[in-house]
Amino acid sequence: MSQYTAAQDERDEQAKGNVDIVLTAMRELFADKDLTAIDRYWAEPYIQHSPQMPNGLDALRNVVPSLEGFSWEPQRIAAQGDLVFTHSIVHGWAPNPVAIADIFRLENGRIVEHWDVVQDIVSPEESASGNTMV
């Protein structure tokens, strides 16, 4: 096996493991509302790029209990190295369902950084293309 192939295999395995961590972390924290998931799957310093959330894990600890009817339904997932990308339908984050593209960066098996883009979901009939959003 060439050096390139071995290195690529290692990155692919890291990416696959990171996907499993993100899916488990999000399910345990947001679906199960298990705040101890923060201690298992996130780490400080937690850098938050979402305009709605401050840096640090205390923000997660404070927001999760207040979410009513929250569901995170990932439709597409991709990963590269230490980054995991999800494209999801989310209920309970905003008054109406939203499409969210999340990017998580992991370090040593923990989520340490997060970006998101949140967009109101409109029906295909309301979009210029006629396509679904998610």
Foldseek 3Di string as FASTA:
>chain_A
DDPVVVVVVVQVVQFVLLVVLVVVLCCCCQVVVPLCSCVVAADPQAAEPEPVFHTDPVRSVPVRVVFDPWDWAFDDWDTTRQKIWTWTWIPRPDPAIWTKIKIFGDDPRHTRYIDMDIGHWDALVPDPNSDGPD
